[in-house]
N, C-alpha and C. Protein backbone atom coordinates (compact mmCIF):
# COMPACT_ATOMS: atom_id res chain seq x y z
N UNK A 1 0.86 -1.16 0.00
CA UNK A 1 0.00 0.00 0.00
C UNK A 1 0.90 1.23 0.00
N UNK A 2 0.84 2.04 -1.03
CA UNK A 2 1.67 3.24 -1.05
C UNK A 2 1.36 4.14 0.14
N UNK A 3 2.40 4.61 0.79
CA UNK A 3 2.23 5.39 2.02
C UNK A 3 1.44 6.67 1.79
N UNK A 4 1.65 7.34 0.67
CA UNK A 4 0.93 8.59 0.41
C UNK A 4 -0.55 8.33 0.24
N UNK A 5 -0.91 7.28 -0.50
CA UNK A 5 -2.32 6.94 -0.69
C UNK A 5 -2.95 6.56 0.64
N UNK A 6 -2.23 5.80 1.46
CA UNK A 6 -2.76 5.39 2.76
C UNK A 6 -2.98 6.61 3.65
N UNK A 7 -2.02 7.52 3.70
CA UNK A 7 -2.17 8.72 4.53
C UNK A 7 -3.33 9.58 4.03
N UNK A 8 -3.47 9.71 2.72
CA UNK A 8 -4.57 10.49 2.15
C UNK A 8 -5.91 9.84 2.47
N UNK A 9 -5.98 8.52 2.40
CA UNK A 9 -7.23 7.81 2.68
C UNK A 9 -7.68 8.00 4.13
N UNK A 10 -6.75 8.27 5.03
CA UNK A 10 -7.09 8.46 6.44
C UNK A 10 -7.61 9.86 6.75
N UNK A 11 -7.55 10.77 5.80
CA UNK A 11 -8.05 12.12 6.05
C UNK A 11 -9.55 12.09 6.27
N UNK A 12 -10.01 12.81 7.29
CA UNK A 12 -11.45 12.98 7.51
C UNK A 12 -12.02 13.95 6.48
N UNK A 13 -11.19 14.87 6.06
CA UNK A 13 -11.59 15.88 5.08
C UNK A 13 -10.37 16.25 4.26
N UNK A 14 -10.53 16.31 2.94
CA UNK A 14 -9.43 16.74 2.08
C UNK A 14 -9.69 18.17 1.63
N UNK A 15 -8.68 19.02 1.72
CA UNK A 15 -8.80 20.42 1.32
C UNK A 15 -8.29 20.58 -0.11
N UNK A 16 -8.79 21.59 -0.82
CA UNK A 16 -8.28 21.82 -2.18
C UNK A 16 -6.82 22.28 -2.14
N UNK A 17 -6.11 22.09 -3.25
CA UNK A 17 -4.71 22.55 -3.30
C UNK A 17 -4.65 24.07 -3.18
N UNK A 18 -3.52 24.56 -2.71
CA UNK A 18 -3.33 26.01 -2.59
C UNK A 18 -3.05 26.61 -3.96
N UNK A 19 -3.52 27.83 -4.16
CA UNK A 19 -3.29 28.52 -5.43
C UNK A 19 -1.89 29.12 -5.50
N UNK A 20 -1.32 29.42 -4.37
CA UNK A 20 -0.03 30.12 -4.35
C UNK A 20 1.13 29.18 -4.67
N UNK A 21 2.18 29.76 -5.21
CA UNK A 21 3.41 29.01 -5.46
C UNK A 21 4.15 28.88 -4.13
N UNK A 22 4.40 27.66 -3.70
CA UNK A 22 5.04 27.43 -2.42
C UNK A 22 6.56 27.47 -2.52
N UNK A 23 7.06 27.64 -3.72
CA UNK A 23 8.50 27.76 -3.89
C UNK A 23 9.25 26.50 -3.52
N UNK A 24 8.97 25.44 -4.15
CA UNK A 24 9.65 24.18 -3.90
C UNK A 24 9.23 23.18 -4.96
N UNK A 25 9.72 21.97 -4.83
CA UNK A 25 9.41 20.96 -5.84
C UNK A 25 8.48 19.88 -5.32
N UNK A 26 8.04 19.98 -4.07
CA UNK A 26 7.16 18.95 -3.51
C UNK A 26 5.74 19.08 -4.02
N UNK A 27 5.04 17.96 -4.04
CA UNK A 27 3.60 17.93 -4.28
C UNK A 27 2.94 17.62 -2.94
N UNK A 28 1.87 18.35 -2.61
CA UNK A 28 1.24 18.21 -1.30
C UNK A 28 -0.23 17.86 -1.42
N UNK A 29 -0.72 17.16 -0.41
CA UNK A 29 -2.15 16.95 -0.20
C UNK A 29 -2.46 17.59 1.14
N UNK A 30 -3.57 18.32 1.19
CA UNK A 30 -3.96 19.04 2.40
C UNK A 30 -5.26 18.45 2.93
N UNK A 31 -5.40 18.42 4.24
CA UNK A 31 -6.63 17.93 4.81
C UNK A 31 -6.67 18.05 6.32
N UNK A 32 -7.58 17.25 6.90
CA UNK A 32 -7.79 17.27 8.33
C UNK A 32 -8.00 15.85 8.82
N UNK A 33 -7.37 15.52 9.94
CA UNK A 33 -7.62 14.27 10.66
C UNK A 33 -8.04 14.69 12.06
N UNK A 34 -9.30 14.43 12.40
CA UNK A 34 -9.82 14.92 13.68
C UNK A 34 -9.68 16.43 13.69
N UNK A 35 -9.17 17.01 14.78
CA UNK A 35 -9.03 18.46 14.84
C UNK A 35 -7.73 18.97 14.21
N UNK A 36 -6.91 18.07 13.69
CA UNK A 36 -5.56 18.44 13.23
C UNK A 36 -5.53 18.69 11.72
N UNK A 37 -5.02 19.84 11.35
CA UNK A 37 -4.81 20.14 9.93
C UNK A 37 -3.51 19.48 9.51
N UNK A 38 -3.52 18.86 8.33
CA UNK A 38 -2.44 17.97 7.90
C UNK A 38 -1.95 18.38 6.52
N UNK A 39 -0.64 18.34 6.34
CA UNK A 39 -0.02 18.49 5.02
C UNK A 39 0.71 17.18 4.75
N UNK A 40 0.38 16.53 3.64
CA UNK A 40 1.03 15.28 3.27
C UNK A 40 1.95 15.56 2.09
N UNK A 41 3.21 15.27 2.26
CA UNK A 41 4.18 15.38 1.18
C UNK A 41 4.63 13.98 0.79
N UNK A 42 5.13 13.84 -0.41
CA UNK A 42 5.58 12.51 -0.83
C UNK A 42 6.91 12.61 -1.57
N UNK A 43 7.61 11.50 -1.56
CA UNK A 43 8.86 11.44 -2.31
C UNK A 43 8.55 11.46 -3.80
N UNK A 44 9.39 12.10 -4.60
CA UNK A 44 9.20 12.04 -6.05
C UNK A 44 9.29 10.58 -6.54
N UNK A 45 8.55 10.27 -7.57
CA UNK A 45 8.53 8.91 -8.12
C UNK A 45 9.95 8.43 -8.40
N UNK A 46 10.26 7.25 -7.94
CA UNK A 46 11.58 6.67 -8.14
C UNK A 46 12.59 7.04 -7.08
N UNK A 47 12.22 7.94 -6.17
CA UNK A 47 13.14 8.34 -5.10
C UNK A 47 12.89 7.51 -3.86
N UNK A 48 13.95 7.26 -3.12
CA UNK A 48 13.81 6.58 -1.84
C UNK A 48 15.02 6.90 -1.00
N UNK A 49 14.91 6.58 0.25
CA UNK A 49 16.06 6.73 1.13
C UNK A 49 16.02 7.97 1.99
N UNK A 50 16.98 7.99 2.90
CA UNK A 50 17.05 9.04 3.90
C UNK A 50 17.29 10.42 3.30
N UNK A 51 18.16 10.53 2.31
CA UNK A 51 18.46 11.86 1.75
C UNK A 51 17.26 12.42 0.99
N UNK A 52 16.52 11.58 0.28
CA UNK A 52 15.32 12.05 -0.43
C UNK A 52 14.26 12.49 0.56
N UNK A 53 14.05 11.70 1.63
CA UNK A 53 13.06 12.06 2.65
C UNK A 53 13.45 13.35 3.35
N UNK A 54 14.73 13.53 3.61
CA UNK A 54 15.21 14.75 4.26
C UNK A 54 14.95 15.96 3.37
N UNK A 55 15.19 15.83 2.07
CA UNK A 55 14.96 16.94 1.14
C UNK A 55 13.48 17.33 1.12
N UNK A 56 12.59 16.34 1.10
CA UNK A 56 11.15 16.62 1.11
C UNK A 56 10.77 17.32 2.41
N UNK A 57 11.27 16.83 3.54
CA UNK A 57 10.94 17.42 4.84
C UNK A 57 11.44 18.86 4.94
N UNK A 58 12.66 19.11 4.49
CA UNK A 58 13.22 20.46 4.56
C UNK A 58 12.42 21.42 3.68
N UNK A 59 12.05 20.96 2.48
CA UNK A 59 11.26 21.79 1.58
C UNK A 59 9.88 22.08 2.19
N UNK A 60 9.29 21.06 2.83
CA UNK A 60 7.98 21.23 3.46
C UNK A 60 8.05 22.26 4.59
N UNK A 61 9.07 22.16 5.43
CA UNK A 61 9.20 23.10 6.54
C UNK A 61 9.47 24.53 6.05
N UNK A 62 10.15 24.66 4.93
CA UNK A 62 10.38 25.98 4.35
C UNK A 62 9.05 26.54 3.81
N UNK A 63 8.24 25.70 3.20
CA UNK A 63 6.96 26.14 2.64
C UNK A 63 5.90 26.38 3.72
N UNK A 64 5.98 25.62 4.81
CA UNK A 64 4.99 25.69 5.89
C UNK A 64 5.72 25.86 7.23
N UNK A 65 6.19 27.06 7.53
CA UNK A 65 7.00 27.26 8.74
C UNK A 65 6.23 27.06 10.05
N UNK A 66 4.90 27.02 10.00
CA UNK A 66 4.11 26.85 11.23
C UNK A 66 3.83 25.39 11.56
N UNK A 67 4.37 24.46 10.80
CA UNK A 67 4.20 23.04 11.13
C UNK A 67 4.83 22.79 12.49
N UNK A 68 4.06 22.14 13.37
CA UNK A 68 4.54 21.89 14.73
C UNK A 68 5.16 20.51 14.88
N UNK A 69 4.61 19.51 14.19
CA UNK A 69 5.09 18.14 14.34
C UNK A 69 5.11 17.47 12.98
N UNK A 70 6.18 16.75 12.69
CA UNK A 70 6.27 15.99 11.46
C UNK A 70 6.35 14.50 11.76
N UNK A 71 5.64 13.71 10.99
CA UNK A 71 5.67 12.25 11.13
C UNK A 71 6.08 11.64 9.80
N UNK A 72 6.93 10.64 9.85
CA UNK A 72 7.30 9.90 8.65
C UNK A 72 6.44 8.64 8.59
N UNK A 73 5.85 8.40 7.44
CA UNK A 73 5.05 7.20 7.22
C UNK A 73 5.70 6.46 6.08
N UNK A 74 5.95 5.18 6.27
CA UNK A 74 6.58 4.43 5.19
C UNK A 74 6.75 2.98 5.56
N UNK A 75 7.56 2.33 4.79
CA UNK A 75 7.82 0.91 4.97
C UNK A 75 9.02 0.76 5.89
N UNK A 76 8.84 0.05 6.98
CA UNK A 76 9.94 -0.18 7.92
C UNK A 76 10.77 -1.36 7.47
N UNK A 77 11.62 -1.14 6.50
CA UNK A 77 12.39 -2.23 5.93
C UNK A 77 13.28 -2.95 6.93
N UNK A 78 13.71 -2.27 7.96
CA UNK A 78 14.58 -2.90 8.94
C UNK A 78 13.89 -3.12 10.27
N UNK A 79 12.56 -3.18 10.27
CA UNK A 79 11.82 -3.23 11.53
C UNK A 79 11.91 -4.56 12.24
N UNK A 80 12.18 -5.61 11.53
CA UNK A 80 12.15 -6.93 12.15
C UNK A 80 13.31 -7.13 13.10
N UNK A 81 13.04 -7.85 14.16
CA UNK A 81 14.07 -8.18 15.13
C UNK A 81 14.42 -9.65 15.02
N UNK A 82 15.11 -10.18 16.01
CA UNK A 82 15.48 -11.59 15.98
C UNK A 82 14.24 -12.48 16.08
N UNK A 83 14.29 -13.70 15.53
CA UNK A 83 13.14 -14.60 15.61
C UNK A 83 12.74 -14.82 17.06
N UNK A 84 11.45 -15.00 17.28
CA UNK A 84 10.93 -15.15 18.63
C UNK A 84 9.98 -16.33 18.68
N UNK A 85 9.88 -16.93 19.84
CA UNK A 85 8.92 -18.01 20.06
C UNK A 85 7.51 -17.46 20.26
N UNK A 86 7.41 -16.17 20.59
CA UNK A 86 6.11 -15.56 20.87
C UNK A 86 5.57 -14.93 19.58
N UNK A 87 4.38 -15.34 19.14
CA UNK A 87 3.82 -14.82 17.89
C UNK A 87 3.57 -13.32 17.95
N UNK A 88 3.30 -12.78 19.14
CA UNK A 88 3.05 -11.34 19.23
C UNK A 88 4.31 -10.52 18.98
N UNK A 89 5.47 -11.16 18.97
CA UNK A 89 6.71 -10.46 18.67
C UNK A 89 7.02 -10.44 17.18
N UNK A 90 6.31 -11.24 16.40
CA UNK A 90 6.55 -11.30 14.96
C UNK A 90 5.88 -10.12 14.26
N UNK A 91 6.50 -9.63 13.23
CA UNK A 91 5.90 -8.59 12.40
C UNK A 91 5.36 -9.29 11.16
N UNK A 92 4.06 -9.17 10.94
CA UNK A 92 3.39 -9.85 9.85
C UNK A 92 2.96 -8.87 8.77
N UNK A 93 2.66 -9.40 7.59
CA UNK A 93 2.20 -8.61 6.46
C UNK A 93 1.02 -7.74 6.88
N UNK A 94 1.13 -6.45 6.66
CA UNK A 94 0.05 -5.52 6.98
C UNK A 94 0.09 -4.96 8.38
N UNK A 95 0.99 -5.45 9.22
CA UNK A 95 1.08 -4.93 10.58
C UNK A 95 1.49 -3.46 10.58
N UNK A 96 1.01 -2.74 11.55
CA UNK A 96 1.42 -1.36 11.76
C UNK A 96 2.33 -1.35 12.97
N UNK A 97 3.52 -0.82 12.81
CA UNK A 97 4.52 -0.82 13.87
C UNK A 97 4.82 0.63 14.26
N UNK A 98 4.70 0.93 15.54
CA UNK A 98 5.03 2.25 16.06
C UNK A 98 6.11 2.04 17.10
N UNK A 99 7.24 2.69 16.91
CA UNK A 99 8.32 2.52 17.89
C UNK A 99 8.10 3.45 19.06
N UNK A 100 8.69 3.09 20.18
CA UNK A 100 8.64 3.95 21.36
C UNK A 100 10.01 3.90 22.03
N UNK A 101 10.39 4.97 22.69
CA UNK A 101 11.70 4.99 23.32
C UNK A 101 11.75 4.07 24.53
N UNK A 102 12.93 3.61 24.82
CA UNK A 102 13.17 2.80 26.00
C UNK A 102 14.46 3.25 26.66
N UNK A 103 14.87 2.57 27.70
CA UNK A 103 16.11 2.97 28.36
C UNK A 103 17.29 2.94 27.39
N UNK A 104 17.93 4.07 27.21
CA UNK A 104 19.10 4.15 26.35
C UNK A 104 18.80 4.16 24.87
N UNK A 105 17.52 4.28 24.48
CA UNK A 105 17.16 4.27 23.05
C UNK A 105 16.04 5.27 22.81
N UNK A 106 16.19 6.10 21.79
CA UNK A 106 15.18 7.09 21.45
C UNK A 106 13.96 6.52 20.76
N UNK A 107 13.98 5.24 20.39
CA UNK A 107 12.85 4.62 19.73
C UNK A 107 13.15 4.19 18.31
N UNK A 108 14.14 4.79 17.68
CA UNK A 108 14.51 4.43 16.31
C UNK A 108 16.01 4.23 16.25
N UNK A 109 16.42 3.10 15.71
CA UNK A 109 17.83 2.82 15.48
C UNK A 109 18.08 3.04 14.00
N UNK A 110 18.94 3.95 13.67
CA UNK A 110 19.27 4.18 12.27
C UNK A 110 20.21 3.07 11.81
N UNK A 111 19.94 2.51 10.63
CA UNK A 111 20.70 1.35 10.16
C UNK A 111 22.21 1.57 10.18
N UNK A 112 22.66 2.76 9.86
CA UNK A 112 24.10 2.98 9.84
C UNK A 112 24.64 3.41 11.20
N UNK A 113 23.83 3.29 12.24
CA UNK A 113 24.29 3.56 13.60
C UNK A 113 24.59 2.26 14.33
N UNK A 114 25.00 1.26 13.64
CA UNK A 114 25.32 -0.02 14.26
C UNK A 114 26.36 -0.73 13.45
N UNK A 115 26.74 -1.89 13.93
CA UNK A 115 27.71 -2.68 13.18
C UNK A 115 27.36 -4.14 13.36
N UNK A 116 27.69 -4.93 12.36
CA UNK A 116 27.46 -6.36 12.43
C UNK A 116 28.78 -7.03 12.75
N UNK A 117 28.74 -7.84 13.78
CA UNK A 117 29.95 -8.56 14.18
C UNK A 117 30.12 -9.79 13.30
N UNK A 118 31.27 -10.42 13.37
CA UNK A 118 31.55 -11.57 12.51
C UNK A 118 30.54 -12.70 12.71
N UNK A 119 29.95 -12.80 13.88
CA UNK A 119 28.93 -13.81 14.13
C UNK A 119 27.55 -13.38 13.66
N UNK A 120 27.47 -12.32 12.86
CA UNK A 120 26.24 -11.78 12.28
C UNK A 120 25.32 -11.17 13.34
N UNK A 121 25.86 -10.87 14.50
CA UNK A 121 25.08 -10.21 15.54
C UNK A 121 25.17 -8.70 15.34
N UNK A 122 24.03 -8.02 15.34
CA UNK A 122 23.99 -6.57 15.15
C UNK A 122 24.17 -5.90 16.50
N UNK A 123 25.10 -4.98 16.59
CA UNK A 123 25.35 -4.25 17.82
C UNK A 123 25.02 -2.78 17.57
N UNK A 124 24.10 -2.24 18.37
CA UNK A 124 23.73 -0.83 18.24
C UNK A 124 24.87 0.04 18.75
N UNK A 125 25.18 1.09 17.99
CA UNK A 125 26.18 2.03 18.49
C UNK A 125 25.64 3.45 18.52
N UNK A 126 24.37 3.63 18.17
CA UNK A 126 23.77 4.96 18.23
C UNK A 126 22.29 4.93 17.93
N UNK A 127 21.58 5.95 18.37
CA UNK A 127 20.14 6.04 18.21
C UNK A 127 19.77 7.44 17.73
N UNK A 128 18.61 7.53 17.12
CA UNK A 128 18.08 8.84 16.78
C UNK A 128 17.42 9.42 18.02
N UNK A 129 17.18 10.72 18.01
CA UNK A 129 16.56 11.38 19.16
C UNK A 129 15.16 10.85 19.42
N UNK A 130 14.75 10.93 20.67
CA UNK A 130 13.41 10.49 21.03
C UNK A 130 12.38 11.48 20.51
N UNK A 131 11.14 11.02 20.28
CA UNK A 131 10.08 11.91 19.81
C UNK A 131 9.74 12.96 20.88
N UNK A 132 9.09 14.05 20.47
CA UNK A 132 8.67 15.06 21.45
C UNK A 132 7.66 14.47 22.45
N UNK A 133 7.65 15.02 23.65
CA UNK A 133 6.76 14.52 24.69
C UNK A 133 5.29 14.57 24.30
N UNK A 134 4.89 15.55 23.48
CA UNK A 134 3.49 15.63 23.07
C UNK A 134 3.10 14.38 22.26
N UNK A 135 4.01 13.86 21.44
CA UNK A 135 3.73 12.62 20.70
C UNK A 135 3.74 11.41 21.62
N UNK A 136 4.66 11.38 22.57
CA UNK A 136 4.72 10.26 23.51
C UNK A 136 3.47 10.23 24.38
N UNK A 137 2.95 11.40 24.77
CA UNK A 137 1.70 11.46 25.54
C UNK A 137 0.53 10.95 24.70
N UNK A 138 0.50 11.33 23.42
CA UNK A 138 -0.56 10.83 22.53
C UNK A 138 -0.44 9.32 22.35
N UNK A 139 0.78 8.80 22.26
CA UNK A 139 0.98 7.35 22.14
C UNK A 139 0.50 6.63 23.39
N UNK A 140 0.77 7.19 24.56
CA UNK A 140 0.29 6.60 25.81
C UNK A 140 -1.24 6.54 25.81
N UNK A 141 -1.88 7.62 25.39
CA UNK A 141 -3.34 7.65 25.33
C UNK A 141 -3.87 6.61 24.33
N UNK A 142 -3.22 6.49 23.17
CA UNK A 142 -3.62 5.51 22.17
C UNK A 142 -3.47 4.09 22.70
N UNK A 143 -2.35 3.79 23.34
CA UNK A 143 -2.13 2.45 23.89
C UNK A 143 -3.15 2.13 24.98
N UNK A 144 -3.53 3.11 25.78
CA UNK A 144 -4.57 2.90 26.80
C UNK A 144 -5.90 2.58 26.15
N UNK A 145 -6.23 3.30 25.09
CA UNK A 145 -7.49 3.03 24.38
C UNK A 145 -7.48 1.63 23.76
N UNK A 146 -6.34 1.23 23.19
CA UNK A 146 -6.24 -0.11 22.61
C UNK A 146 -6.38 -1.17 23.70
N UNK A 147 -5.78 -0.93 24.88
CA UNK A 147 -5.93 -1.87 26.00
C UNK A 147 -7.39 -2.05 26.39
N UNK A 148 -8.16 -0.97 26.37
CA UNK A 148 -9.56 -1.02 26.79
C UNK A 148 -10.50 -1.51 25.69
N UNK A 149 -10.29 -1.05 24.46
CA UNK A 149 -11.25 -1.28 23.38
C UNK A 149 -10.73 -2.17 22.26
N UNK A 150 -9.44 -2.45 22.24
CA UNK A 150 -8.86 -3.19 21.12
C UNK A 150 -8.50 -2.23 20.00
N UNK A 151 -7.82 -2.76 19.02
CA UNK A 151 -7.37 -1.95 17.89
C UNK A 151 -8.54 -1.62 16.97
N UNK A 152 -8.51 -0.43 16.39
CA UNK A 152 -9.55 -0.02 15.45
C UNK A 152 -9.04 -0.07 14.01
N UNK A 153 -7.87 -0.65 13.79
CA UNK A 153 -7.28 -0.65 12.45
C UNK A 153 -8.18 -1.36 11.44
N UNK A 154 -8.71 -2.54 11.79
CA UNK A 154 -9.57 -3.28 10.86
C UNK A 154 -10.80 -2.46 10.48
N UNK A 155 -11.41 -1.80 11.47
CA UNK A 155 -12.58 -0.97 11.20
C UNK A 155 -12.21 0.19 10.28
N UNK A 156 -11.05 0.81 10.53
CA UNK A 156 -10.63 1.94 9.71
C UNK A 156 -10.34 1.50 8.28
N UNK A 157 -9.73 0.34 8.11
CA UNK A 157 -9.48 -0.17 6.75
C UNK A 157 -10.79 -0.47 6.04
N UNK A 158 -11.78 -1.01 6.77
CA UNK A 158 -13.10 -1.26 6.18
C UNK A 158 -13.76 0.05 5.76
N UNK A 159 -13.64 1.09 6.59
CA UNK A 159 -14.18 2.41 6.23
C UNK A 159 -13.51 2.96 4.98
N UNK A 160 -12.20 2.80 4.89
CA UNK A 160 -11.48 3.25 3.70
C UNK A 160 -11.98 2.47 2.48
N UNK A 161 -12.23 1.17 2.64
CA UNK A 161 -12.75 0.36 1.53
C UNK A 161 -14.11 0.84 1.05
N UNK A 162 -14.95 1.31 1.96
CA UNK A 162 -16.25 1.85 1.56
C UNK A 162 -16.07 3.19 0.84
N UNK A 163 -15.15 4.00 1.33
CA UNK A 163 -14.93 5.33 0.74
C UNK A 163 -14.19 5.23 -0.60
N UNK A 164 -13.23 4.30 -0.67
CA UNK A 164 -12.43 4.10 -1.89
C UNK A 164 -12.51 2.63 -2.28
N UNK A 165 -13.54 2.22 -3.04
CA UNK A 165 -13.75 0.79 -3.33
C UNK A 165 -12.55 0.08 -3.96
N UNK A 166 -11.73 0.78 -4.74
CA UNK A 166 -10.57 0.13 -5.37
C UNK A 166 -9.62 -0.44 -4.32
N UNK A 167 -9.56 0.18 -3.16
CA UNK A 167 -8.63 -0.27 -2.12
C UNK A 167 -9.05 -1.60 -1.51
N UNK A 168 -10.31 -2.00 -1.67
CA UNK A 168 -10.77 -3.24 -1.03
C UNK A 168 -9.91 -4.42 -1.42
N UNK A 169 -9.63 -4.57 -2.70
CA UNK A 169 -8.82 -5.69 -3.15
C UNK A 169 -7.33 -5.42 -2.93
N UNK A 170 -6.90 -4.21 -3.23
CA UNK A 170 -5.48 -3.90 -3.14
C UNK A 170 -4.95 -3.90 -1.72
N UNK A 171 -5.77 -3.50 -0.74
CA UNK A 171 -5.29 -3.32 0.62
C UNK A 171 -5.76 -4.39 1.58
N UNK A 172 -6.50 -5.37 1.11
CA UNK A 172 -6.96 -6.41 2.03
C UNK A 172 -5.82 -7.37 2.38
N UNK A 173 -6.00 -8.06 3.48
CA UNK A 173 -5.02 -9.04 3.91
C UNK A 173 -4.87 -10.10 2.82
N UNK A 174 -3.65 -10.40 2.44
CA UNK A 174 -3.40 -11.27 1.29
C UNK A 174 -3.37 -12.76 1.63
N UNK A 175 -3.63 -13.10 2.87
CA UNK A 175 -3.73 -14.51 3.26
C UNK A 175 -2.43 -15.07 3.79
N UNK A 176 -2.57 -16.17 4.54
CA UNK A 176 -1.43 -16.80 5.20
C UNK A 176 -0.38 -17.24 4.19
N UNK A 177 -0.79 -17.71 3.02
CA UNK A 177 0.19 -18.21 2.04
C UNK A 177 1.16 -17.12 1.57
N UNK A 178 0.74 -15.86 1.67
CA UNK A 178 1.61 -14.74 1.28
C UNK A 178 2.26 -14.06 2.49
N UNK A 179 1.97 -14.56 3.67
CA UNK A 179 2.45 -13.95 4.91
C UNK A 179 3.60 -14.79 5.46
N UNK A 180 4.73 -14.70 4.80
CA UNK A 180 5.87 -15.56 5.11
C UNK A 180 6.86 -14.80 5.99
N UNK A 181 7.18 -15.37 7.12
CA UNK A 181 8.20 -14.78 7.98
C UNK A 181 9.57 -15.13 7.43
N UNK A 182 10.43 -14.17 7.41
CA UNK A 182 11.80 -14.41 6.94
C UNK A 182 12.77 -13.72 7.88
N UNK A 183 13.93 -14.28 8.01
CA UNK A 183 14.96 -13.64 8.82
C UNK A 183 15.42 -12.38 8.12
N UNK A 184 15.50 -11.29 8.86
CA UNK A 184 16.02 -10.06 8.26
C UNK A 184 17.54 -10.12 8.28
N UNK A 185 18.15 -9.37 7.40
CA UNK A 185 19.61 -9.37 7.32
C UNK A 185 20.16 -8.09 7.85
């Protein structure tokens, strides 16, 4: 599921594009999620990686200096950890993973902030900064709601399917036969 399409589908309301020249090369989608006004930027077609994402973010902040919080949405290519006996520790096709900081870790390990030893064991040697407290407080509230009510992801995907019928087939769970766990490298 392309991240930009997924983020756009989650908008409660989509706003029309701005008429003014924002002085940059990004393409934006504007809207609202709950009470929050949102600007969605995307990587140019064929672009990927940290430097491309950084360029988009810098251009966005230059065009919209009043943005208070930025979130990256994408594919967590390195999200998997070591194999586990507990199924709740496995990351499966379609799972949504949100990192959180822990002792000595800001929540995100940048791939080039570590080293692999000769025994193929990955050793962390650095972390990215922790998220702002306002996001961590929102995450605590979300986790509390999930503890009480369960996840609403399936309901939200069903709502998106009603709003955008094409997504029903493209974004539905592809079945166990396509949900293969593999060791990450």
